[in-house]
């Protein structure tokens, strides 16, 4: 007699658990949205991360907007969407002036993802914005050229890029 009663309870519990997955997330402030975006990005939930970051962009101060835009850029790269990553980088670079250190880090993100079009766009921006960086970007430039000529499966470890 217990089995028929347990089945409906299990179904209700399962449906209740699933319904929360589709519920829209609401934020009360830009910082909590940014934190939620960071947590979602870390767990691989790109859609939820982008929602949190977009809220932070729309409602946060300038420093938070730059961090949120960087988060969206990194999600686009992680998703393997080179066109979206180029667009995200262009938006980011127009919204804030990236310092040389952050720009170098983001170029390495593109190189490690083996995104040649993105890497070229970023190198062009870096050299136009900071001409003195040209020599420090030699390794990244060589890696992007190698990706272009050999394809995304190329081993970049000989150039000093880890993970290959």
N, C-alpha and C. Protein backbone atom coordinates (compact mmCIF):
# COMPACT_ATOMS: atom_id res chain seq x y z
N UNK A 1 0.82 -1.19 0.00
CA UNK A 1 0.00 0.00 0.00
C UNK A 1 0.86 1.26 0.00
N UNK A 2 2.05 1.20 0.51
CA UNK A 2 2.90 2.39 0.53
C UNK A 2 3.44 2.75 -0.85
N UNK A 3 3.66 1.76 -1.69
CA UNK A 3 4.24 2.01 -2.99
C UNK A 3 3.41 2.99 -3.82
N UNK A 4 2.09 2.83 -3.91
CA UNK A 4 1.31 3.79 -4.69
C UNK A 4 1.40 5.21 -4.12
N UNK A 5 1.54 5.36 -2.84
CA UNK A 5 1.64 6.68 -2.22
C UNK A 5 3.02 7.28 -2.45
N UNK A 6 4.07 6.47 -2.47
CA UNK A 6 5.42 6.99 -2.68
C UNK A 6 5.65 7.47 -4.10
N UNK A 7 5.04 6.84 -5.07
CA UNK A 7 5.24 7.23 -6.46
C UNK A 7 4.76 8.66 -6.73
N UNK A 8 3.56 9.04 -6.31
CA UNK A 8 3.14 10.43 -6.53
C UNK A 8 4.02 11.43 -5.78
N UNK A 9 4.47 11.07 -4.59
CA UNK A 9 5.34 11.97 -3.84
C UNK A 9 6.68 12.15 -4.55
N UNK A 10 7.21 11.08 -5.09
CA UNK A 10 8.48 11.16 -5.83
C UNK A 10 8.32 12.01 -7.08
N UNK A 11 7.20 11.87 -7.76
CA UNK A 11 6.95 12.68 -8.96
C UNK A 11 6.81 14.16 -8.62
N UNK A 12 6.11 14.47 -7.56
CA UNK A 12 5.97 15.86 -7.14
C UNK A 12 7.33 16.44 -6.78
N UNK A 13 8.15 15.69 -6.06
CA UNK A 13 9.48 16.17 -5.68
C UNK A 13 10.35 16.39 -6.91
N UNK A 14 10.27 15.48 -7.86
CA UNK A 14 11.08 15.62 -9.08
C UNK A 14 10.63 16.82 -9.89
N UNK A 15 9.33 17.00 -10.03
CA UNK A 15 8.82 18.16 -10.78
C UNK A 15 9.18 19.46 -10.08
N UNK A 16 9.11 19.48 -8.79
CA UNK A 16 9.48 20.67 -8.03
C UNK A 16 10.94 21.02 -8.22
N UNK A 17 11.80 20.02 -8.25
CA UNK A 17 13.23 20.26 -8.43
C UNK A 17 13.51 20.78 -9.83
N UNK A 18 12.79 20.26 -10.82
CA UNK A 18 13.02 20.71 -12.20
C UNK A 18 12.50 22.11 -12.43
N UNK A 19 11.41 22.48 -11.78
CA UNK A 19 10.82 23.78 -12.05
C UNK A 19 11.75 24.92 -11.66
N UNK A 20 12.62 24.74 -10.71
CA UNK A 20 13.54 25.79 -10.31
C UNK A 20 14.61 26.07 -11.34
N UNK A 21 14.90 25.09 -12.21
CA UNK A 21 15.94 25.26 -13.22
C UNK A 21 15.56 26.31 -14.25
N UNK A 22 14.28 26.42 -14.55
CA UNK A 22 13.84 27.35 -15.58
C UNK A 22 13.40 28.69 -15.02
N UNK A 23 13.35 28.82 -13.73
CA UNK A 23 12.89 30.06 -13.13
C UNK A 23 13.92 31.16 -13.36
N UNK A 24 13.45 32.34 -13.79
CA UNK A 24 14.41 33.43 -14.02
C UNK A 24 15.01 33.90 -12.70
N UNK A 25 16.28 34.24 -12.77
CA UNK A 25 16.96 34.75 -11.59
C UNK A 25 16.79 36.25 -11.55
N UNK A 26 16.45 36.77 -10.38
CA UNK A 26 16.34 38.21 -10.22
C UNK A 26 17.43 38.66 -9.28
N UNK A 27 17.93 39.85 -9.53
CA UNK A 27 19.01 40.40 -8.73
C UNK A 27 18.51 41.67 -8.05
N UNK A 28 19.09 41.94 -6.90
CA UNK A 28 18.71 43.15 -6.18
C UNK A 28 19.74 44.25 -6.35
N UNK A 29 20.95 43.88 -6.72
CA UNK A 29 22.00 44.88 -6.94
C UNK A 29 23.07 44.30 -7.85
N UNK A 30 23.89 45.19 -8.39
CA UNK A 30 24.90 44.79 -9.37
C UNK A 30 25.98 43.87 -8.77
N UNK A 31 26.33 44.10 -7.53
CA UNK A 31 27.37 43.27 -6.90
C UNK A 31 26.89 41.84 -6.73
N UNK A 32 25.65 41.66 -6.26
CA UNK A 32 25.15 40.29 -6.11
C UNK A 32 24.99 39.63 -7.48
N UNK A 33 24.64 40.40 -8.49
CA UNK A 33 24.54 39.84 -9.84
C UNK A 33 25.91 39.40 -10.34
N UNK A 34 26.92 40.22 -10.06
CA UNK A 34 28.28 39.88 -10.46
C UNK A 34 28.75 38.61 -9.74
N UNK A 35 28.48 38.53 -8.45
CA UNK A 35 28.84 37.33 -7.68
C UNK A 35 28.12 36.09 -8.23
N UNK A 36 26.84 36.24 -8.55
CA UNK A 36 26.08 35.13 -9.12
C UNK A 36 26.65 34.75 -10.49
N UNK A 37 27.03 35.75 -11.27
CA UNK A 37 27.64 35.49 -12.57
C UNK A 37 28.95 34.73 -12.44
N UNK A 38 29.77 35.14 -11.47
CA UNK A 38 31.04 34.45 -11.23
C UNK A 38 30.81 33.00 -10.83
N UNK A 39 29.85 32.78 -9.95
CA UNK A 39 29.56 31.42 -9.49
C UNK A 39 29.03 30.57 -10.64
N UNK A 40 28.15 31.15 -11.45
CA UNK A 40 27.60 30.41 -12.59
C UNK A 40 28.69 30.09 -13.62
N UNK A 41 29.59 31.05 -13.85
CA UNK A 41 30.69 30.81 -14.79
C UNK A 41 31.57 29.67 -14.28
N UNK A 42 31.87 29.67 -13.00
CA UNK A 42 32.72 28.63 -12.41
C UNK A 42 32.07 27.25 -12.52
N UNK A 43 30.74 27.21 -12.49
CA UNK A 43 30.05 25.92 -12.59
C UNK A 43 29.74 25.54 -14.03
N UNK A 44 30.09 26.41 -14.98
CA UNK A 44 29.87 26.10 -16.39
C UNK A 44 28.50 26.49 -16.92
N UNK A 45 27.72 27.21 -16.14
CA UNK A 45 26.40 27.66 -16.58
C UNK A 45 26.54 29.01 -17.27
N UNK A 46 26.89 28.98 -18.55
CA UNK A 46 27.19 30.21 -19.29
C UNK A 46 25.99 31.14 -19.40
N UNK A 47 24.81 30.58 -19.57
CA UNK A 47 23.61 31.41 -19.72
C UNK A 47 23.34 32.21 -18.44
N UNK A 48 23.39 31.54 -17.31
CA UNK A 48 23.16 32.22 -16.03
C UNK A 48 24.27 33.24 -15.74
N UNK A 49 25.50 32.88 -16.09
CA UNK A 49 26.62 33.80 -15.88
C UNK A 49 26.43 35.07 -16.71
N UNK A 50 26.06 34.90 -17.97
CA UNK A 50 25.85 36.08 -18.82
C UNK A 50 24.71 36.95 -18.29
N UNK A 51 23.67 36.33 -17.75
CA UNK A 51 22.55 37.10 -17.20
C UNK A 51 23.02 37.94 -16.01
N UNK A 52 23.81 37.34 -15.13
CA UNK A 52 24.33 38.09 -13.99
C UNK A 52 25.25 39.21 -14.43
N UNK A 53 26.14 38.91 -15.36
CA UNK A 53 27.07 39.93 -15.85
C UNK A 53 26.34 41.05 -16.58
N UNK A 54 25.32 40.70 -17.36
CA UNK A 54 24.58 41.74 -18.08
C UNK A 54 23.87 42.66 -17.10
N UNK A 55 23.32 42.10 -16.03
CA UNK A 55 22.68 42.92 -15.01
C UNK A 55 23.71 43.87 -14.39
N UNK A 56 24.90 43.37 -14.11
CA UNK A 56 25.96 44.21 -13.53
C UNK A 56 26.38 45.31 -14.51
N UNK A 57 26.43 45.00 -15.79
CA UNK A 57 26.76 46.01 -16.80
C UNK A 57 25.69 47.10 -16.82
N UNK A 58 24.45 46.68 -16.80
CA UNK A 58 23.34 47.63 -16.90
C UNK A 58 23.12 48.45 -15.63
N UNK A 59 23.54 47.92 -14.48
CA UNK A 59 23.21 48.56 -13.20
C UNK A 59 24.40 48.89 -12.31
N UNK A 60 25.60 48.55 -12.73
CA UNK A 60 26.76 48.75 -11.88
C UNK A 60 27.56 50.00 -12.22
N UNK A 61 28.55 50.28 -11.40
CA UNK A 61 29.44 51.41 -11.68
C UNK A 61 30.45 50.99 -12.74
N UNK A 62 31.27 51.94 -13.18
CA UNK A 62 32.18 51.69 -14.30
C UNK A 62 33.17 50.55 -14.03
N UNK A 63 33.71 50.46 -12.83
CA UNK A 63 34.68 49.40 -12.55
C UNK A 63 34.01 48.03 -12.59
N UNK A 64 32.82 47.95 -12.11
CA UNK A 64 32.08 46.68 -12.13
C UNK A 64 31.69 46.31 -13.56
N UNK A 65 31.35 47.31 -14.36
CA UNK A 65 31.00 47.05 -15.76
C UNK A 65 32.16 46.41 -16.50
N UNK A 66 33.36 46.92 -16.27
CA UNK A 66 34.53 46.35 -16.93
C UNK A 66 34.74 44.90 -16.54
N UNK A 67 34.58 44.58 -15.25
CA UNK A 67 34.73 43.20 -14.79
C UNK A 67 33.65 42.30 -15.39
N UNK A 68 32.42 42.82 -15.47
CA UNK A 68 31.32 42.04 -16.03
C UNK A 68 31.53 41.81 -17.52
N UNK A 69 31.99 42.82 -18.22
CA UNK A 69 32.25 42.68 -19.66
C UNK A 69 33.39 41.68 -19.91
N UNK A 70 34.37 41.69 -19.03
CA UNK A 70 35.45 40.72 -19.12
C UNK A 70 34.90 39.31 -18.89
N UNK A 71 33.99 39.17 -17.95
CA UNK A 71 33.36 37.88 -17.71
C UNK A 71 32.62 37.36 -18.93
N UNK A 72 31.89 38.22 -19.60
CA UNK A 72 31.17 37.82 -20.82
C UNK A 72 32.16 37.41 -21.90
N UNK A 73 33.23 38.18 -22.04
CA UNK A 73 34.27 37.83 -23.01
C UNK A 73 34.81 36.43 -22.72
N UNK A 74 35.14 36.16 -21.47
CA UNK A 74 35.71 34.86 -21.10
C UNK A 74 34.71 33.73 -21.33
N UNK A 75 33.44 33.99 -21.14
CA UNK A 75 32.41 32.97 -21.40
C UNK A 75 32.34 32.68 -22.90
N UNK A 76 32.37 33.74 -23.71
CA UNK A 76 32.33 33.54 -25.16
C UNK A 76 33.53 32.72 -25.62
N UNK A 77 34.69 32.99 -25.04
CA UNK A 77 35.89 32.21 -25.39
C UNK A 77 35.70 30.76 -24.93
N UNK A 78 35.27 30.56 -23.70
CA UNK A 78 35.08 29.20 -23.17
C UNK A 78 34.05 28.42 -23.98
N UNK A 79 33.07 29.12 -24.51
CA UNK A 79 32.03 28.46 -25.32
C UNK A 79 32.53 28.16 -26.73
N UNK A 80 33.71 28.67 -27.07
CA UNK A 80 34.27 28.44 -28.39
C UNK A 80 33.63 29.28 -29.48
N UNK A 81 32.95 30.34 -29.10
CA UNK A 81 32.26 31.22 -30.04
C UNK A 81 33.16 32.40 -30.39
N UNK A 82 33.98 32.21 -31.41
CA UNK A 82 34.97 33.23 -31.76
C UNK A 82 34.32 34.55 -32.19
N UNK A 83 33.23 34.49 -32.95
CA UNK A 83 32.56 35.73 -33.38
C UNK A 83 32.02 36.51 -32.18
N UNK A 84 31.38 35.80 -31.25
CA UNK A 84 30.87 36.46 -30.05
C UNK A 84 32.02 37.01 -29.20
N UNK A 85 33.12 36.27 -29.13
CA UNK A 85 34.28 36.73 -28.35
C UNK A 85 34.89 37.99 -28.95
N UNK A 86 34.96 38.05 -30.29
CA UNK A 86 35.46 39.27 -30.94
C UNK A 86 34.54 40.44 -30.60
N UNK A 87 33.24 40.23 -30.71
CA UNK A 87 32.28 41.30 -30.40
C UNK A 87 32.38 41.71 -28.94
N UNK A 88 32.52 40.74 -28.04
CA UNK A 88 32.66 41.05 -26.61
C UNK A 88 33.93 41.84 -26.35
N UNK A 89 35.02 41.45 -26.99
CA UNK A 89 36.27 42.18 -26.81
C UNK A 89 36.16 43.60 -27.34
N UNK A 90 35.54 43.76 -28.50
CA UNK A 90 35.37 45.11 -29.05
C UNK A 90 34.54 45.98 -28.12
N UNK A 91 33.47 45.45 -27.57
CA UNK A 91 32.65 46.20 -26.61
C UNK A 91 33.46 46.56 -25.37
N UNK A 92 34.19 45.58 -24.86
CA UNK A 92 35.01 45.79 -23.67
C UNK A 92 36.06 46.87 -23.91
N UNK A 93 36.76 46.77 -25.02
CA UNK A 93 37.85 47.72 -25.29
C UNK A 93 37.35 49.12 -25.58
N UNK A 94 36.10 49.25 -26.00
CA UNK A 94 35.51 50.58 -26.21
C UNK A 94 35.00 51.16 -24.89
N UNK A 95 34.57 50.29 -24.00
CA UNK A 95 33.98 50.75 -22.73
C UNK A 95 35.03 51.17 -21.71
N UNK A 96 36.14 50.45 -21.66
CA UNK A 96 37.19 50.75 -20.69
C UNK A 96 38.55 50.67 -21.35
N UNK A 97 39.51 51.34 -20.79
CA UNK A 97 40.88 51.22 -21.29
C UNK A 97 41.56 50.12 -20.48
N UNK A 98 41.81 49.02 -21.17
CA UNK A 98 42.48 47.89 -20.53
C UNK A 98 43.93 48.25 -20.29
N UNK A 99 44.46 47.92 -19.13
CA UNK A 99 45.89 48.16 -18.90
C UNK A 99 46.68 47.04 -19.58
N UNK A 100 47.97 47.23 -19.69
CA UNK A 100 48.81 46.29 -20.42
C UNK A 100 48.79 44.89 -19.82
N UNK A 101 48.77 44.81 -18.52
CA UNK A 101 48.77 43.52 -17.85
C UNK A 101 47.48 42.74 -18.16
N UNK A 102 46.34 43.39 -18.03
CA UNK A 102 45.06 42.73 -18.29
C UNK A 102 44.94 42.38 -19.78
N UNK A 103 45.40 43.26 -20.63
CA UNK A 103 45.35 43.01 -22.06
C UNK A 103 46.21 41.79 -22.42
N UNK A 104 47.39 41.69 -21.86
CA UNK A 104 48.24 40.52 -22.09
C UNK A 104 47.57 39.24 -21.62
N UNK A 105 46.92 39.31 -20.47
CA UNK A 105 46.22 38.15 -19.92
C UNK A 105 45.09 37.71 -20.86
N UNK A 106 44.33 38.68 -21.36
CA UNK A 106 43.21 38.35 -22.24
C UNK A 106 43.69 37.80 -23.59
N UNK A 107 44.80 38.33 -24.07
CA UNK A 107 45.38 37.79 -25.31
C UNK A 107 45.79 36.34 -25.09
N UNK A 108 46.37 36.04 -23.95
CA UNK A 108 46.74 34.65 -23.64
C UNK A 108 45.50 33.75 -23.55
N UNK A 109 44.39 34.29 -23.06
CA UNK A 109 43.13 33.53 -23.02
C UNK A 109 42.74 33.15 -24.45
N UNK A 110 42.83 34.11 -25.37
CA UNK A 110 42.49 33.85 -26.77
C UNK A 110 43.44 32.84 -27.40
N UNK A 111 44.72 32.98 -27.12
CA UNK A 111 45.71 32.06 -27.68
C UNK A 111 45.49 30.65 -27.14
N UNK A 112 45.29 30.53 -25.84
CA UNK A 112 45.06 29.21 -25.26
C UNK A 112 43.80 28.55 -25.79
N UNK A 113 42.82 29.37 -26.18
CA UNK A 113 41.59 28.85 -26.78
C UNK A 113 41.78 28.59 -28.28
N UNK A 114 42.95 28.99 -28.78
CA UNK A 114 43.33 28.81 -30.18
C UNK A 114 42.35 29.49 -31.13
N UNK A 115 42.04 30.74 -30.78
CA UNK A 115 41.16 31.57 -31.60
C UNK A 115 42.00 32.60 -32.33
N UNK A 116 42.30 32.29 -33.58
CA UNK A 116 43.19 33.15 -34.36
C UNK A 116 42.59 34.50 -34.73
N UNK A 117 41.33 34.54 -35.14
CA UNK A 117 40.70 35.80 -35.53
C UNK A 117 40.61 36.72 -34.32
N UNK A 118 40.21 36.17 -33.20
CA UNK A 118 40.15 36.95 -31.96
C UNK A 118 41.54 37.44 -31.58
N UNK A 119 42.51 36.55 -31.62
CA UNK A 119 43.88 36.91 -31.26
C UNK A 119 44.41 38.04 -32.12
N UNK A 120 44.16 37.97 -33.42
CA UNK A 120 44.62 39.04 -34.32
C UNK A 120 43.96 40.37 -33.99
N UNK A 121 42.67 40.34 -33.72
CA UNK A 121 41.96 41.57 -33.36
C UNK A 121 42.53 42.17 -32.08
N UNK A 122 42.80 41.32 -31.12
CA UNK A 122 43.33 41.78 -29.84
C UNK A 122 44.75 42.31 -29.99
N UNK A 123 45.57 41.61 -30.78
CA UNK A 123 46.94 42.10 -31.02
C UNK A 123 46.91 43.46 -31.70
N UNK A 124 46.04 43.62 -32.68
CA UNK A 124 45.92 44.91 -33.36
C UNK A 124 45.56 46.02 -32.40
N UNK A 125 44.60 45.74 -31.52
CA UNK A 125 44.20 46.72 -30.51
C UNK A 125 45.36 47.02 -29.56
N UNK A 126 46.04 45.99 -29.11
CA UNK A 126 47.14 46.16 -28.15
C UNK A 126 48.25 47.02 -28.73
N UNK A 127 48.64 46.73 -29.95
CA UNK A 127 49.75 47.47 -30.56
C UNK A 127 49.34 48.90 -30.88
N UNK A 128 48.08 49.10 -31.27
CA UNK A 128 47.60 50.47 -31.53
C UNK A 128 47.51 51.28 -30.24
N UNK A 129 47.09 50.62 -29.17
CA UNK A 129 46.91 51.32 -27.89
C UNK A 129 48.22 51.48 -27.13
N UNK A 130 49.04 50.45 -27.16
CA UNK A 130 50.31 50.44 -26.45
C UNK A 130 51.42 49.99 -27.40
N UNK A 131 51.92 50.87 -28.26
CA UNK A 131 52.96 50.46 -29.22
C UNK A 131 54.18 49.83 -28.55
N UNK A 132 54.45 50.23 -27.34
CA UNK A 132 55.60 49.68 -26.62
C UNK A 132 55.42 48.21 -26.25
N UNK A 133 54.22 47.66 -26.40
CA UNK A 133 53.96 46.26 -26.09
C UNK A 133 54.38 45.32 -27.22
N UNK A 134 54.69 45.86 -28.37
CA UNK A 134 54.94 45.03 -29.55
C UNK A 134 55.94 43.91 -29.25
N UNK A 135 57.05 44.23 -28.62
CA UNK A 135 58.07 43.21 -28.33
C UNK A 135 57.59 42.17 -27.33
N UNK A 136 56.77 42.59 -26.37
CA UNK A 136 56.29 41.64 -25.36
C UNK A 136 55.20 40.71 -25.91
N UNK A 137 54.66 41.05 -27.06
CA UNK A 137 53.59 40.24 -27.65
C UNK A 137 54.10 39.30 -28.75
N UNK A 138 55.40 39.19 -28.88
CA UNK A 138 55.98 38.36 -29.93
C UNK A 138 55.53 36.91 -29.82
N UNK A 139 55.57 36.35 -28.62
CA UNK A 139 55.18 34.95 -28.42
C UNK A 139 53.72 34.74 -28.80
N UNK A 140 52.86 35.66 -28.38
CA UNK A 140 51.44 35.55 -28.71
C UNK A 140 51.23 35.68 -30.21
N UNK A 141 51.94 36.58 -30.84
CA UNK A 141 51.83 36.77 -32.28
C UNK A 141 52.26 35.52 -33.03
N UNK A 142 53.35 34.92 -32.60
CA UNK A 142 53.82 33.67 -33.22
C UNK A 142 52.80 32.55 -33.04
N UNK A 143 52.20 32.50 -31.86
CA UNK A 143 51.21 31.46 -31.59
C UNK A 143 49.98 31.64 -32.48
N UNK A 144 49.54 32.87 -32.64
CA UNK A 144 48.36 33.13 -33.48
C UNK A 144 48.66 32.77 -34.93
N UNK A 145 49.83 33.11 -35.39
CA UNK A 145 50.22 32.76 -36.76
C UNK A 145 50.26 31.24 -36.93
N UNK A 146 50.75 30.54 -35.94
CA UNK A 146 50.81 29.07 -35.99
C UNK A 146 49.40 28.47 -36.00
N UNK A 147 48.51 29.05 -35.24
CA UNK A 147 47.11 28.59 -35.22
C UNK A 147 46.48 28.80 -36.60
N UNK A 148 46.76 29.97 -37.19
CA UNK A 148 46.22 30.27 -38.52
C UNK A 148 46.71 29.28 -39.57
N UNK A 149 47.98 28.96 -39.52
CA UNK A 149 48.55 28.10 -40.56
C UNK A 149 48.36 26.61 -40.30
N UNK A 150 48.30 26.21 -39.04
CA UNK A 150 48.23 24.78 -38.71
C UNK A 150 46.88 24.34 -38.17
N UNK A 151 46.02 25.27 -37.87
CA UNK A 151 44.70 24.93 -37.35
C UNK A 151 44.66 24.89 -35.83
N UNK A 152 43.45 24.81 -35.29
CA UNK A 152 43.27 24.88 -33.83
C UNK A 152 43.82 23.67 -33.07
N UNK A 153 44.16 22.59 -33.77
CA UNK A 153 44.71 21.43 -33.08
C UNK A 153 46.21 21.50 -32.87
N UNK A 154 46.82 22.60 -33.27
CA UNK A 154 48.27 22.74 -33.20
C UNK A 154 48.76 22.75 -31.74
N UNK A 155 49.92 22.19 -31.52
CA UNK A 155 50.56 22.17 -30.20
C UNK A 155 51.34 23.46 -30.01
N UNK A 156 50.99 24.24 -29.02
CA UNK A 156 51.65 25.52 -28.76
C UNK A 156 52.65 25.44 -27.61
N UNK A 157 52.87 24.25 -27.09
CA UNK A 157 53.75 24.11 -25.93
C UNK A 157 55.18 24.54 -26.25
N UNK A 158 55.60 24.38 -27.48
CA UNK A 158 56.95 24.81 -27.87
C UNK A 158 57.14 26.31 -27.79
N UNK A 159 56.02 27.04 -27.80
CA UNK A 159 56.07 28.50 -27.67
C UNK A 159 55.91 28.95 -26.23
N UNK A 160 55.67 28.00 -25.34
CA UNK A 160 55.54 28.34 -23.94
C UNK A 160 54.10 28.43 -23.45
N UNK A 161 53.14 27.96 -24.24
CA UNK A 161 51.75 27.95 -23.80
C UNK A 161 51.46 26.60 -23.17
N UNK A 162 51.07 26.62 -21.92
CA UNK A 162 50.81 25.39 -21.17
C UNK A 162 49.52 24.74 -21.63
N UNK A 163 49.40 23.51 -21.34
CA UNK A 163 48.15 22.79 -21.60
C UNK A 163 48.14 22.05 -22.92
N UNK A 164 49.15 22.21 -23.71
CA UNK A 164 49.17 21.50 -25.00
C UNK A 164 49.91 20.18 -24.87
